[in-house]
């Protein structure tokens, strides 16, 4: 039986791979924007801030996601 908790495994993994931790948090932030933000203007503002953080992170996969969302963002909210 596995005695290491899910949280402890994540902690170990994130210590070894800090970019994975960043990517995980970016995905949580993006989900929160879409699922928790009710006001369209606030959502646009939060999404713009998310784009900036992604662009500054250097994580290329999220840059691709960002470029995919941008042309359609007005229809998403």
C-alpha atoms as a PDB file:
ATOM      1  CA  UNK A   1       0.000   0.000   0.000  1.00  0.00           C
ATOM      2  CA  UNK A   2       1.224   3.476  -0.884  1.00  0.00           C
ATOM      3  CA  UNK A   3       1.885   5.459   2.283  1.00  0.00           C
ATOM      4  CA  UNK A   4       2.857   8.756   0.644  1.00  0.00           C
ATOM      5  CA  UNK A   5      -0.115  11.079   0.370  1.00  0.00           C
ATOM      6  CA  UNK A   6      -1.152  12.671  -2.885  1.00  0.00           C
ATOM      7  CA  UNK A   7      -0.184  16.104  -1.531  1.00  0.00           C
ATOM      8  CA  UNK A   8       3.260  14.877  -0.484  1.00  0.00           C
ATOM      9  CA  UNK A   9       3.858  13.323  -3.923  1.00  0.00           C
ATOM     10  CA  UNK A  10       2.861  16.614  -5.545  1.00  0.00           C
ATOM     11  CA  UNK A  11       5.184  18.519  -3.213  1.00  0.00           C
ATOM     12  CA  UNK A  12       8.114  16.253  -4.122  1.00  0.00           C
ATOM     13  CA  UNK A  13       7.323  16.462  -7.826  1.00  0.00           C
ATOM     14  CA  UNK A  14       7.007  20.255  -7.726  1.00  0.00           C
ATOM     15  CA  UNK A  15      10.336  20.555  -5.882  1.00  0.00           C
ATOM     16  CA  UNK A  16      12.026  18.533  -8.617  1.00  0.00           C
ATOM     17  CA  UNK A  17      10.198  20.255 -11.481  1.00  0.00           C
ATOM     18  CA  UNK A  18       9.375  23.893 -10.643  1.00  0.00           C
ATOM     19  CA  UNK A  19       8.050  24.559 -14.157  1.00  0.00           C
ATOM     20  CA  UNK A  20       5.511  21.796 -13.639  1.00  0.00           C
ATOM     21  CA  UNK A  21       4.354  23.577 -10.490  1.00  0.00           C
ATOM     22  CA  UNK A  22       3.977  26.836 -12.437  1.00  0.00           C
ATOM     23  CA  UNK A  23       2.048  25.092 -15.199  1.00  0.00           C
ATOM     24  CA  UNK A  24      -0.246  23.418 -12.674  1.00  0.00           C
ATOM     25  CA  UNK A  25      -1.030  26.752 -11.040  1.00  0.00           C
ATOM     26  CA  UNK A  26      -1.612  28.422 -14.414  1.00  0.00           C
ATOM     27  CA  UNK A  27      -4.154  25.733 -15.259  1.00  0.00           C
ATOM     28  CA  UNK A  28      -5.923  26.239 -11.911  1.00  0.00           C
ATOM     29  CA  UNK A  29      -5.987  29.998 -12.440  1.00  0.00           C
ATOM     30  CA  UNK A  30      -7.423  29.675 -15.937  1.00  0.00           C
ATOM     31  CA  UNK A  31     -10.122  27.305 -14.734  1.00  0.00           C
ATOM     32  CA  UNK A  32     -11.033  29.704 -11.927  1.00  0.00           C
ATOM     33  CA  UNK A  33     -11.405  32.573 -14.388  1.00  0.00           C
ATOM     34  CA  UNK A  34     -13.914  30.613 -16.448  1.00  0.00           C
ATOM     35  CA  UNK A  35     -15.786  28.919 -13.611  1.00  0.00           C
ATOM     36  CA  UNK A  36     -15.833  31.498 -10.832  1.00  0.00           C
ATOM     37  CA  UNK A  37     -15.931  34.897 -12.540  1.00  0.00           C
ATOM     38  CA  UNK A  38     -19.486  36.028 -13.220  1.00  0.00           C
ATOM     39  CA  UNK A  39     -18.888  39.552 -14.549  1.00  0.00           C
ATOM     40  CA  UNK A  40     -17.703  39.693 -18.172  1.00  0.00           C
ATOM     41  CA  UNK A  41     -15.525  42.787 -17.644  1.00  0.00           C
ATOM     42  CA  UNK A  42     -13.831  41.265 -14.607  1.00  0.00           C
ATOM     43  CA  UNK A  43     -13.274  38.031 -16.530  1.00  0.00           C
ATOM     44  CA  UNK A  44     -11.607  39.926 -19.399  1.00  0.00           C
ATOM     45  CA  UNK A  45      -9.361  41.739 -16.937  1.00  0.00           C
ATOM     46  CA  UNK A  46      -8.385  38.536 -15.135  1.00  0.00           C
ATOM     47  CA  UNK A  47      -7.756  36.788 -18.444  1.00  0.00           C
ATOM     48  CA  UNK A  48      -5.500  39.653 -19.604  1.00  0.00           C
ATOM     49  CA  UNK A  49      -3.524  39.393 -16.361  1.00  0.00           C
ATOM     50  CA  UNK A  50      -3.296  35.624 -16.834  1.00  0.00           C
ATOM     51  CA  UNK A  51      -1.958  36.156 -20.376  1.00  0.00           C
ATOM     52  CA  UNK A  52       0.750  38.462 -19.017  1.00  0.00           C
ATOM     53  CA  UNK A  53       1.824  35.959 -16.358  1.00  0.00           C
ATOM     54  CA  UNK A  54       1.908  33.156 -18.944  1.00  0.00           C
ATOM     55  CA  UNK A  55       3.935  35.241 -21.402  1.00  0.00           C
ATOM     56  CA  UNK A  56       6.437  36.128 -18.687  1.00  0.00           C
ATOM     57  CA  UNK A  57       6.713  32.536 -17.448  1.00  0.00           C
ATOM     58  CA  UNK A  58       8.532  31.142 -20.464  1.00  0.00           C
ATOM     59  CA  UNK A  59       6.365  28.015 -20.464  1.00  0.00           C
ATOM     60  CA  UNK A  60       5.791  27.535 -24.167  1.00  0.00           C
ATOM     61  CA  UNK A  61       2.795  25.203 -23.905  1.00  0.00           C
ATOM     62  CA  UNK A  62       0.747  27.869 -22.141  1.00  0.00           C
ATOM     63  CA  UNK A  63       1.770  30.409 -24.743  1.00  0.00           C
ATOM     64  CA  UNK A  64       0.166  28.122 -27.293  1.00  0.00           C
ATOM     65  CA  UNK A  65      -3.003  27.849 -25.200  1.00  0.00           C
ATOM     66  CA  UNK A  66      -3.051  31.608 -24.766  1.00  0.00           C
ATOM     67  CA  UNK A  67      -2.773  32.189 -28.521  1.00  0.00           C
ATOM     68  CA  UNK A  68      -5.581  29.696 -29.102  1.00  0.00           C
ATOM     69  CA  UNK A  69      -7.945  31.420 -26.664  1.00  0.00           C
ATOM     70  CA  UNK A  70      -7.237  35.041 -27.634  1.00  0.00           C
ATOM     71  CA  UNK A  71      -9.115  35.136 -30.969  1.00  0.00           C
ATOM     72  CA  UNK A  72     -12.212  33.648 -29.303  1.00  0.00           C
ATOM     73  CA  UNK A  73     -12.223  35.164 -25.826  1.00  0.00           C
ATOM     74  CA  UNK A  74     -15.140  37.542 -26.469  1.00  0.00           C
ATOM     75  CA  UNK A  75     -17.357  34.545 -27.240  1.00  0.00           C
ATOM     76  CA  UNK A  76     -16.247  32.555 -24.191  1.00  0.00           C
ATOM     77  CA  UNK A  77     -17.837  34.720 -21.505  1.00  0.00           C
END
